[in-house]
Amino acid sequence: MSDATRELGAAVASLRDADEALRFLRDLCTVNELREFAARWGVARLLDAGTSYHEISERTGASSATISRVNQWLRYGRDGYRLVLDRQARARRRKR
């Protein structure tokens, strides 16, 4: 991983809340890049919920290639998706 990538990770980690994260992402990314990130995140959430590829494609418009790629990262990646999915699930349970 490059120093620039590590610095980006540190910048993201320094953000205090979702509003700051969105402001940073909007400045960092084009609108289309941000849409792509959001689409991948939505696919990851649906995969984690056990939704079928066909249903995900119908609901999101994502291609089977995108769904498959996100599934690979979710299952065999560096556990970034899993970390955030689990953290958000715990936060939702605490709110109940």
PDB file of N, CA and C in Angstrom:
ATOM      1  N   MET A   1       0.853  -1.172   0.000  1.00  0.00           N
ATOM      2  CA  MET A   1       0.000   0.000   0.000  1.00  0.00           C
ATOM      3  C   MET A   1       0.901   1.239   0.000  1.00  0.00           C
ATOM      4  N   SER A   2       0.545   2.216  -0.778  1.00  0.00           N
ATOM      5  CA  SER A   2       1.370   3.418  -0.898  1.00  0.00           C
ATOM      6  C   SER A   2       1.197   4.340   0.303  1.00  0.00           C
ATOM      7  N   ASP A   3       2.161   5.225   0.486  1.00  0.00           N
ATOM      8  CA  ASP A   3       2.052   6.228   1.551  1.00  0.00           C
ATOM      9  C   ASP A   3       0.820   7.096   1.352  1.00  0.00           C
ATOM     10  N   ALA A   4       0.543   7.455   0.094  1.00  0.00           N
ATOM     11  CA  ALA A   4      -0.632   8.295  -0.181  1.00  0.00           C
ATOM     12  C   ALA A   4      -1.921   7.588   0.236  1.00  0.00           C
ATOM     13  N   THR A   5      -2.000   6.278   0.010  1.00  0.00           N
ATOM     14  CA  THR A   5      -3.182   5.515   0.398  1.00  0.00           C
ATOM     15  C   THR A   5      -3.301   5.455   1.916  1.00  0.00           C
ATOM     16  N   ARG A   6      -2.190   5.259   2.584  1.00  0.00           N
ATOM     17  CA  ARG A   6      -2.200   5.248   4.061  1.00  0.00           C
ATOM     18  C   ARG A   6      -2.624   6.614   4.609  1.00  0.00           C
ATOM     19  N   GLU A   7      -2.157   7.676   3.980  1.00  0.00           N
ATOM     20  CA  GLU A   7      -2.552   9.023   4.408  1.00  0.00           C
ATOM     21  C   GLU A   7      -4.045   9.242   4.203  1.00  0.00           C
ATOM     22  N   LEU A   8      -4.578   8.728   3.116  1.00  0.00           N
ATOM     23  CA  LEU A   8      -6.017   8.822   2.881  1.00  0.00           C
ATOM     24  C   LEU A   8      -6.780   8.080   3.977  1.00  0.00           C
ATOM     25  N   GLY A   9      -6.318   6.876   4.320  1.00  0.00           N
ATOM     26  CA  GLY A   9      -6.947   6.130   5.406  1.00  0.00           C
ATOM     27  C   GLY A   9      -6.930   6.912   6.713  1.00  0.00           C
ATOM     28  N   ALA A  10      -5.810   7.550   7.004  1.00  0.00           N
ATOM     29  CA  ALA A  10      -5.707   8.360   8.224  1.00  0.00           C
ATOM     30  C   ALA A  10      -6.662   9.548   8.163  1.00  0.00           C
ATOM     31  N   ALA A  11      -6.805  10.137   6.984  1.00  0.00           N
ATOM     32  CA  ALA A  11      -7.728  11.263   6.836  1.00  0.00           C
ATOM     33  C   ALA A  11      -9.164  10.814   7.107  1.00  0.00           C
ATOM     34  N   VAL A  12      -9.544   9.671   6.559  1.00  0.00           N
ATOM     35  CA  VAL A  12     -10.894   9.150   6.783  1.00  0.00           C
ATOM     36  C   VAL A  12     -11.092   8.838   8.270  1.00  0.00           C
ATOM     37  N   ALA A  13     -10.091   8.249   8.892  1.00  0.00           N
ATOM     38  CA  ALA A  13     -10.190   7.906  10.318  1.00  0.00           C
ATOM     39  C   ALA A  13     -10.311   9.143  11.207  1.00  0.00           C
ATOM     40  N   SER A  14      -9.866  10.282  10.725  1.00  0.00           N
ATOM     41  CA  SER A  14      -9.928  11.500  11.533  1.00  0.00           C
ATOM     42  C   SER A  14     -11.307  12.152  11.528  1.00  0.00           C
ATOM     43  N   LEU A  15     -12.198  11.700  10.664  1.00  0.00           N
ATOM     44  CA  LEU A  15     -13.527  12.292  10.572  1.00  0.00           C
ATOM     45  C   LEU A  15     -14.363  11.893  11.778  1.00  0.00           C
ATOM     46  N   ARG A  16     -15.154  12.832  12.283  1.00  0.00           N
ATOM     47  CA  ARG A  16     -15.880  12.627  13.541  1.00  0.00           C
ATOM     48  C   ARG A  16     -17.245  11.998  13.389  1.00  0.00           C
ATOM     49  N   ASP A  17     -17.908  12.200  12.237  1.00  0.00           N
ATOM     50  CA  ASP A  17     -19.269  11.686  12.105  1.00  0.00           C
ATOM     51  C   ASP A  17     -19.628  11.543  10.625  1.00  0.00           C
ATOM     52  N   ALA A  18     -20.840  11.043  10.383  1.00  0.00           N
ATOM     53  CA  ALA A  18     -21.279  10.798   9.013  1.00  0.00           C
ATOM     54  C   ALA A  18     -21.335  12.076   8.182  1.00  0.00           C
ATOM     55  N   ASP A  19     -21.724  13.182   8.793  1.00  0.00           N
ATOM     56  CA  ASP A  19     -21.781  14.443   8.061  1.00  0.00           C
ATOM     57  C   ASP A  19     -20.389  14.851   7.575  1.00  0.00           C
ATOM     58  N   GLU A  20     -19.407  14.767   8.443  1.00  0.00           N
ATOM     59  CA  GLU A  20     -18.033  15.094   8.030  1.00  0.00           C
ATOM     60  C   GLU A  20     -17.553  14.138   6.947  1.00  0.00           C
ATOM     61  N   ALA A  21     -17.888  12.860   7.096  1.00  0.00           N
ATOM     62  CA  ALA A  21     -17.472  11.878   6.089  1.00  0.00           C
ATOM     63  C   ALA A  21     -18.077  12.203   4.732  1.00  0.00           C
ATOM     64  N   LEU A  22     -19.362  12.545   4.710  1.00  0.00           N
ATOM     65  CA  LEU A  22     -20.010  12.887   3.438  1.00  0.00           C
ATOM     66  C   LEU A  22     -19.411  14.148   2.828  1.00  0.00           C
ATOM     67  N   ARG A  23     -19.129  15.130   3.655  1.00  0.00           N
ATOM     68  CA  ARG A  23     -18.515  16.358   3.140  1.00  0.00           C
ATOM     69  C   ARG A  23     -17.151  16.057   2.526  1.00  0.00           C
ATOM     70  N   PHE A  24     -16.360  15.236   3.211  1.00  0.00           N
ATOM     71  CA  PHE A  24     -15.043  14.878   2.703  1.00  0.00           C
ATOM     72  C   PHE A  24     -15.155  14.073   1.404  1.00  0.00           C
ATOM     73  N   LEU A  25     -16.030  13.069   1.414  1.00  0.00           N
ATOM     74  CA  LEU A  25     -16.187  12.248   0.213  1.00  0.00           C
ATOM     75  C   LEU A  25     -16.662  13.072  -0.975  1.00  0.00           C
ATOM     76  N   ARG A  26     -17.543  14.012  -0.738  1.00  0.00           N
ATOM     77  CA  ARG A  26     -18.051  14.839  -1.846  1.00  0.00           C
ATOM     78  C   ARG A  26     -16.953  15.704  -2.439  1.00  0.00           C
ATOM     79  N   ASP A  27     -16.039  16.186  -1.603  1.00  0.00           N
ATOM     80  CA  ASP A  27     -14.919  16.963  -2.117  1.00  0.00           C
ATOM     81  C   ASP A  27     -13.885  16.072  -2.811  1.00  0.00           C
ATOM     82  N   LEU A  28     -13.712  14.868  -2.304  1.00  0.00           N
ATOM     83  CA  LEU A  28     -12.692  13.957  -2.824  1.00  0.00           C
ATOM     84  C   LEU A  28     -13.109  13.295  -4.129  1.00  0.00           C
ATOM     85  N   CYS A  29     -14.377  12.938  -4.248  1.00  0.00           N
ATOM     86  CA  CYS A  29     -14.858  12.117  -5.362  1.00  0.00           C
ATOM     87  C   CYS A  29     -15.746  12.911  -6.305  1.00  0.00           C
ATOM     88  N   THR A  30     -15.808  12.436  -7.533  1.00  0.00           N
ATOM     89  CA  THR A  30     -16.807  12.976  -8.446  1.00  0.00           C
ATOM     90  C   THR A  30     -18.167  12.436  -8.024  1.00  0.00           C
ATOM     91  N   VAL A  31     -19.224  13.029  -8.532  1.00  0.00           N
ATOM     92  CA  VAL A  31     -20.568  12.550  -8.224  1.00  0.00           C
ATOM     93  C   VAL A  31     -20.709  11.095  -8.661  1.00  0.00           C
ATOM     94  N   ASN A  32     -20.196  10.762  -9.836  1.00  0.00           N
ATOM     95  CA  ASN A  32     -20.299   9.383 -10.324  1.00  0.00           C
ATOM     96  C   ASN A  32     -19.511   8.414  -9.454  1.00  0.00           C
ATOM     97  N   GLU A  33     -18.330   8.800  -8.998  1.00  0.00           N
ATOM     98  CA  GLU A  33     -17.553   7.935  -8.105  1.00  0.00           C
ATOM     99  C   GLU A  33     -18.303   7.696  -6.805  1.00  0.00           C
ATOM    100  N   LEU A  34     -18.886   8.740  -6.269  1.00  0.00           N
ATOM    101  CA  LEU A  34     -19.639   8.617  -5.025  1.00  0.00           C
ATOM    102  C   LEU A  34     -20.854   7.713  -5.214  1.00  0.00           C
ATOM    103  N   ARG A  35     -21.520   7.833  -6.355  1.00  0.00           N
ATOM    104  CA  ARG A  35     -22.653   6.942  -6.654  1.00  0.00           C
ATOM    105  C   ARG A  35     -22.198   5.492  -6.721  1.00  0.00           C
ATOM    106  N   GLU A  36     -21.037   5.258  -7.342  1.00  0.00           N
ATOM    107  CA  GLU A  36     -20.504   3.897  -7.440  1.00  0.00           C
ATOM    108  C   GLU A  36     -20.183   3.335  -6.059  1.00  0.00           C
ATOM    109  N   PHE A  37     -19.564   4.133  -5.207  1.00  0.00           N
ATOM    110  CA  PHE A  37     -19.277   3.689  -3.838  1.00  0.00           C
ATOM    111  C   PHE A  37     -20.567   3.339  -3.116  1.00  0.00           C
ATOM    112  N   ALA A  38     -21.561   4.212  -3.235  1.00  0.00           N
ATOM    113  CA  ALA A  38     -22.845   3.988  -2.569  1.00  0.00           C
ATOM    114  C   ALA A  38     -23.518   2.724  -3.105  1.00  0.00           C
ATOM    115  N   ALA A  39     -23.426   2.504  -4.408  1.00  0.00           N
ATOM    116  CA  ALA A  39     -24.025   1.308  -5.006  1.00  0.00           C
ATOM    117  C   ALA A  39     -23.345   0.053  -4.480  1.00  0.00           C
ATOM    118  N   ARG A  40     -22.015   0.045  -4.410  1.00  0.00           N
ATOM    119  CA  ARG A  40     -21.291  -1.116  -3.886  1.00  0.00           C
ATOM    120  C   ARG A  40     -21.653  -1.367  -2.432  1.00  0.00           C
ATOM    121  N   TRP A  41     -21.759  -0.295  -1.654  1.00  0.00           N
ATOM    122  CA  TRP A  41     -22.127  -0.452  -0.255  1.00  0.00           C
ATOM    123  C   TRP A  41     -23.534  -1.053  -0.133  1.00  0.00           C
ATOM    124  N   GLY A  42     -24.456  -0.586  -0.966  1.00  0.00           N
ATOM    125  CA  GLY A  42     -25.806  -1.146  -0.961  1.00  0.00           C
ATOM    126  C   GLY A  42     -25.807  -2.616  -1.323  1.00  0.00           C
ATOM    127  N   VAL A  43     -25.015  -2.993  -2.311  1.00  0.00           N
ATOM    128  CA  VAL A  43     -24.896  -4.404  -2.705  1.00  0.00           C
ATOM    129  C   VAL A  43     -24.330  -5.219  -1.547  1.00  0.00           C
ATOM    130  N   ALA A  44     -23.306  -4.714  -0.880  1.00  0.00           N
ATOM    131  CA  ALA A  44     -22.705  -5.434   0.253  1.00  0.00           C
ATOM    132  C   ALA A  44     -23.732  -5.653   1.356  1.00  0.00           C
ATOM    133  N   ARG A  45     -24.522  -4.645   1.642  1.00  0.00           N
ATOM    134  CA  ARG A  45     -25.542  -4.774   2.687  1.00  0.00           C
ATOM    135  C   ARG A  45     -26.589  -5.822   2.309  1.00  0.00           C
ATOM    136  N   LEU A  46     -27.005  -5.816   1.047  1.00  0.00           N
ATOM    137  CA  LEU A  46     -27.993  -6.798   0.595  1.00  0.00           C
ATOM    138  C   LEU A  46     -27.411  -8.213   0.597  1.00  0.00           C
ATOM    139  N   LEU A  47     -26.170  -8.367   0.156  1.00  0.00           N
ATOM    140  CA  LEU A  47     -25.526  -9.676   0.207  1.00  0.00           C
ATOM    141  C   LEU A  47     -25.441 -10.177   1.643  1.00  0.00           C
ATOM    142  N   ASP A  48     -25.074  -9.300   2.538  1.00  0.00           N
ATOM    143  CA  ASP A  48     -24.960  -9.669   3.948  1.00  0.00           C
ATOM    144  C   ASP A  48     -26.310 -10.101   4.524  1.00  0.00           C
ATOM    145  N   ALA A  49     -27.391  -9.536   4.003  1.00  0.00           N
ATOM    146  CA  ALA A  49     -28.741  -9.891   4.454  1.00  0.00           C
ATOM    147  C   ALA A  49     -29.243 -11.181   3.804  1.00  0.00           C
ATOM    148  N   GLY A  50     -28.433 -11.775   2.916  1.00  0.00           N
ATOM    149  CA  GLY A  50     -28.821 -13.028   2.281  1.00  0.00           C
ATOM    150  C   GLY A  50     -29.652 -12.873   1.033  1.00  0.00           C
ATOM    151  N   THR A  51     -29.699 -11.675   0.485  1.00  0.00           N
ATOM    152  CA  THR A  51     -30.484 -11.408  -0.723  1.00  0.00           C
ATOM    153  C   THR A  51     -29.811 -12.065  -1.929  1.00  0.00           C
ATOM    154  N   SER A  52     -30.599 -12.645  -2.811  1.00  0.00           N
ATOM    155  CA  SER A  52     -30.063 -13.319  -3.993  1.00  0.00           C
ATOM    156  C   SER A  52     -29.497 -12.308  -4.991  1.00  0.00           C
ATOM    157  N   TYR A  53     -28.583 -12.789  -5.823  1.00  0.00           N
ATOM    158  CA  TYR A  53     -28.022 -11.937  -6.872  1.00  0.00           C
ATOM    159  C   TYR A  53     -29.124 -11.344  -7.736  1.00  0.00           C
ATOM    160  N   HIS A  54     -30.084 -12.192  -8.111  1.00  0.00           N
ATOM    161  CA  HIS A  54     -31.170 -11.725  -8.985  1.00  0.00           C
ATOM    162  C   HIS A  54     -31.950 -10.587  -8.320  1.00  0.00           C
ATOM    163  N   GLU A  55     -32.304 -10.768  -7.054  1.00  0.00           N
ATOM    164  CA  GLU A  55     -33.048  -9.734  -6.326  1.00  0.00           C
ATOM    165  C   GLU A  55     -32.224  -8.456  -6.188  1.00  0.00           C
ATOM    166  N   ILE A  56     -30.937  -8.604  -5.904  1.00  0.00           N
ATOM    167  CA  ILE A  56     -30.064  -7.425  -5.790  1.00  0.00           C
ATOM    168  C   ILE A  56     -30.028  -6.667  -7.105  1.00  0.00           C
ATOM    169  N   SER A  57     -29.870  -7.397  -8.187  1.00  0.00           N
ATOM    170  CA  SER A  57     -29.845  -6.767  -9.512  1.00  0.00           C
ATOM    171  C   SER A  57     -31.149  -6.051  -9.803  1.00  0.00           C
ATOM    172  N   GLU A  58     -32.269  -6.699  -9.487  1.00  0.00           N
ATOM    173  CA  GLU A  58     -33.588  -6.088  -9.703  1.00  0.00           C
ATOM    174  C   GLU A  58     -33.746  -4.812  -8.877  1.00  0.00           C
ATOM    175  N   ARG A  59     -33.333  -4.861  -7.618  1.00  0.00           N
ATOM    176  CA  ARG A  59     -33.541  -3.730  -6.706  1.00  0.00           C
ATOM    177  C   ARG A  59     -32.575  -2.584  -6.941  1.00  0.00           C
ATOM    178  N   THR A  60     -31.347  -2.893  -7.354  1.00  0.00           N
ATOM    179  CA  THR A  60     -30.318  -1.850  -7.443  1.00  0.00           C
ATOM    180  C   THR A  60     -29.900  -1.499  -8.857  1.00  0.00           C
ATOM    181  N   GLY A  61     -30.149  -2.397  -9.793  1.00  0.00           N
ATOM    182  CA  GLY A  61     -29.668  -2.192 -11.150  1.00  0.00           C
ATOM    183  C   GLY A  61     -28.209  -2.581 -11.322  1.00  0.00           C
ATOM    184  N   ALA A  62     -27.594  -3.125 -10.268  1.00  0.00           N
ATOM    185  CA  ALA A  62     -26.190  -3.538 -10.353  1.00  0.00           C
ATOM    186  C   ALA A  62     -26.056  -4.742 -11.268  1.00  0.00           C
ATOM    187  N   SER A  63     -24.964  -4.782 -11.993  1.00  0.00           N
ATOM    188  CA  SER A  63     -24.705  -5.915 -12.877  1.00  0.00           C
ATOM    189  C   SER A  63     -24.282  -7.127 -12.052  1.00  0.00           C
ATOM    190  N   SER A  64     -24.413  -8.310 -12.651  1.00  0.00           N
ATOM    191  CA  SER A  64     -23.981  -9.514 -11.944  1.00  0.00           C
ATOM    192  C   SER A  64     -22.481  -9.476 -11.682  1.00  0.00           C
ATOM    193  N   ALA A  65     -21.717  -8.837 -12.567  1.00  0.00           N
ATOM    194  CA  ALA A  65     -20.274  -8.710 -12.353  1.00  0.00           C
ATOM    195  C   ALA A  65     -19.972  -7.871 -11.114  1.00  0.00           C
ATOM    196  N   THR A  66     -20.691  -6.773 -10.944  1.00  0.00           N
ATOM    197  CA  THR A  66     -20.496  -5.923  -9.767  1.00  0.00           C
ATOM    198  C   THR A  66     -20.890  -6.669  -8.501  1.00  0.00           C
ATOM    199  N   ILE A  67     -22.017  -7.353  -8.549  1.00  0.00           N
ATOM    200  CA  ILE A  67     -22.485  -8.099  -7.381  1.00  0.00           C
ATOM    201  C   ILE A  67     -21.473  -9.178  -7.018  1.00  0.00           C
ATOM    202  N   SER A  68     -20.988  -9.892  -8.014  1.00  0.00           N
ATOM    203  CA  SER A  68     -20.007 -10.942  -7.780  1.00  0.00           C
ATOM    204  C   SER A  68     -18.711 -10.377  -7.198  1.00  0.00           C
ATOM    205  N   ARG A  69     -18.258  -9.263  -7.724  1.00  0.00           N
ATOM    206  CA  ARG A  69     -17.026  -8.634  -7.241  1.00  0.00           C
ATOM    207  C   ARG A  69     -17.177  -8.195  -5.787  1.00  0.00           C
ATOM    208  N   VAL A  70     -18.306  -7.571  -5.463  1.00  0.00           N
ATOM    209  CA  VAL A  70     -18.538  -7.152  -4.081  1.00  0.00           C
ATOM    210  C   VAL A  70     -18.621  -8.384  -3.177  1.00  0.00           C
ATOM    211  N   ASN A  71     -19.263  -9.438  -3.643  1.00  0.00           N
ATOM    212  CA  ASN A  71     -19.351 -10.660  -2.859  1.00  0.00           C
ATOM    213  C   ASN A  71     -17.967 -11.247  -2.587  1.00  0.00           C
ATOM    214  N   GLN A  72     -17.105 -11.209  -3.581  1.00  0.00           N
ATOM    215  CA  GLN A  72     -15.728 -11.702  -3.390  1.00  0.00           C
ATOM    216  C   GLN A  72     -15.010 -10.876  -2.317  1.00  0.00           C
ATOM    217  N   TRP A  73     -15.133  -9.559  -2.387  1.00  0.00           N
ATOM    218  CA  TRP A  73     -14.489  -8.698  -1.386  1.00  0.00           C
ATOM    219  C   TRP A  73     -15.096  -8.929  -0.011  1.00  0.00           C
ATOM    220  N   LEU A  74     -16.405  -9.128   0.027  1.00  0.00           N
ATOM    221  CA  LEU A  74     -17.092  -9.364   1.296  1.00  0.00           C
ATOM    222  C   LEU A  74     -16.622 -10.674   1.924  1.00  0.00           C
ATOM    223  N   ARG A  75     -16.433 -11.686   1.110  1.00  0.00           N
ATOM    224  CA  ARG A  75     -16.056 -13.005   1.626  1.00  0.00           C
ATOM    225  C   ARG A  75     -14.554 -13.190   1.769  1.00  0.00           C
ATOM    226  N   TYR A  76     -13.760 -12.635   0.854  1.00  0.00           N
ATOM    227  CA  TYR A  76     -12.326 -12.947   0.833  1.00  0.00           C
ATOM    228  C   TYR A  76     -11.432 -11.712   0.864  1.00  0.00           C
ATOM    229  N   GLY A  77     -12.022 -10.554   1.103  1.00  0.00           N
ATOM    230  CA  GLY A  77     -11.243  -9.315   1.105  1.00  0.00           C
ATOM    231  C   GLY A  77     -10.498  -9.114   2.413  1.00  0.00           C
ATOM    232  N   ARG A  78     -10.283  -7.891   2.764  1.00  0.00           N
ATOM    233  CA  ARG A  78      -9.526  -7.561   3.973  1.00  0.00           C
ATOM    234  C   ARG A  78     -10.441  -7.301   5.168  1.00  0.00           C
ATOM    235  N   ASP A  79     -11.686  -7.726   5.060  1.00  0.00           N
ATOM    236  CA  ASP A  79     -12.687  -7.633   6.124  1.00  0.00           C
ATOM    237  C   ASP A  79     -13.152  -6.211   6.417  1.00  0.00           C
ATOM    238  N   GLY A  80     -12.925  -5.289   5.494  1.00  0.00           N
ATOM    239  CA  GLY A  80     -13.413  -3.926   5.671  1.00  0.00           C
ATOM    240  C   GLY A  80     -14.928  -3.851   5.645  1.00  0.00           C
ATOM    241  N   TYR A  81     -15.532  -4.531   4.659  1.00  0.00           N
ATOM    242  CA  TYR A  81     -16.994  -4.565   4.613  1.00  0.00           C
ATOM    243  C   TYR A  81     -17.526  -5.187   5.903  1.00  0.00           C
ATOM    244  N   ARG A  82     -16.963  -6.337   6.283  1.00  0.00           N
ATOM    245  CA  ARG A  82     -17.442  -7.058   7.470  1.00  0.00           C
ATOM    246  C   ARG A  82     -17.322  -6.190   8.717  1.00  0.00           C
ATOM    247  N   LEU A  83     -16.225  -5.495   8.864  1.00  0.00           N
ATOM    248  CA  LEU A  83     -16.014  -4.627  10.020  1.00  0.00           C
ATOM    249  C   LEU A  83     -17.145  -3.608  10.148  1.00  0.00           C
ATOM    250  N   VAL A  84     -17.452  -2.925   9.057  1.00  0.00           N
ATOM    251  CA  VAL A  84     -18.466  -1.872   9.099  1.00  0.00           C
ATOM    252  C   VAL A  84     -19.865  -2.460   9.196  1.00  0.00           C
ATOM    253  N   LEU A  85     -20.140  -3.535   8.471  1.00  0.00           N
ATOM    254  CA  LEU A  85     -21.463  -4.163   8.566  1.00  0.00           C
ATOM    255  C   LEU A  85     -21.746  -4.603  10.000  1.00  0.00           C
ATOM    256  N   ASP A  86     -20.782  -5.239  10.637  1.00  0.00           N
ATOM    257  CA  ASP A  86     -20.972  -5.702  12.015  1.00  0.00           C
ATOM    258  C   ASP A  86     -21.107  -4.530  12.980  1.00  0.00           C
ATOM    259  N   ARG A  87     -20.302  -3.512  12.777  1.00  0.00           N
ATOM    260  CA  ARG A  87     -20.367  -2.342  13.653  1.00  0.00           C
ATOM    261  C   ARG A  87     -21.722  -1.656  13.548  1.00  0.00           C
ATOM    262  N   GLN A  88     -22.233  -1.518  12.327  1.00  0.00           N
ATOM    263  CA  GLN A  88     -23.543  -0.893  12.155  1.00  0.00           C
ATOM    264  C   GLN A  88     -24.659  -1.756  12.722  1.00  0.00           C
ATOM    265  N   ALA A  89     -24.542  -3.082  12.604  1.00  0.00           N
ATOM    266  CA  ALA A  89     -25.549  -3.978  13.175  1.00  0.00           C
ATOM    267  C   ALA A  89     -25.573  -3.840  14.695  1.00  0.00           C
ATOM    268  N   ARG A  90     -24.406  -3.762  15.314  1.00  0.00           N
ATOM    269  CA  ARG A  90     -24.351  -3.583  16.771  1.00  0.00           C
ATOM    270  C   ARG A  90     -24.981  -2.244  17.171  1.00  0.00           C
ATOM    271  N   ALA A  91     -24.705  -1.202  16.408  1.00  0.00           N
ATOM    272  CA  ALA A  91     -25.262   0.125  16.717  1.00  0.00           C
ATOM    273  C   ALA A  91     -26.783   0.094  16.603  1.00  0.00           C
ATOM    274  N   ARG A  92     -27.320  -0.605  15.598  1.00  0.00           N
ATOM    275  CA  ARG A  92     -28.785  -0.704  15.442  1.00  0.00           C
ATOM    276  C   ARG A  92     -29.395  -1.463  16.623  1.00  0.00           C
ATOM    277  N   ARG A  93     -28.747  -2.528  17.065  1.00  0.00           N
ATOM    278  CA  ARG A  93     -29.267  -3.299  18.207  1.00  0.00           C
ATOM    279  C   ARG A  93     -29.274  -2.455  19.479  1.00  0.00           C
ATOM    280  N   ARG A  94     -28.257  -1.615  19.661  1.00  0.00           N
ATOM    281  CA  ARG A  94     -28.195  -0.784  20.853  1.00  0.00           C
ATOM    282  C   ARG A  94     -29.296   0.272  20.862  1.00  0.00           C
ATOM    283  N   LYS A  95     -29.735   0.704  19.691  1.00  0.00           N
ATOM    284  CA  LYS A  95     -30.775   1.733  19.596  1.00  0.00           C
ATOM    285  C   LYS A  95     -32.159   1.200  19.927  1.00  0.00           C
ATOM    286  N   ARG A  96     -32.316  -0.127  19.891  1.00  0.00           N
ATOM    287  CA  ARG A  96     -33.653  -0.709  20.142  1.00  0.00           C
ATOM    288  C   ARG A  96     -33.990  -0.719  21.581  1.00  0.00           C
TER     289      ARG A  96
END
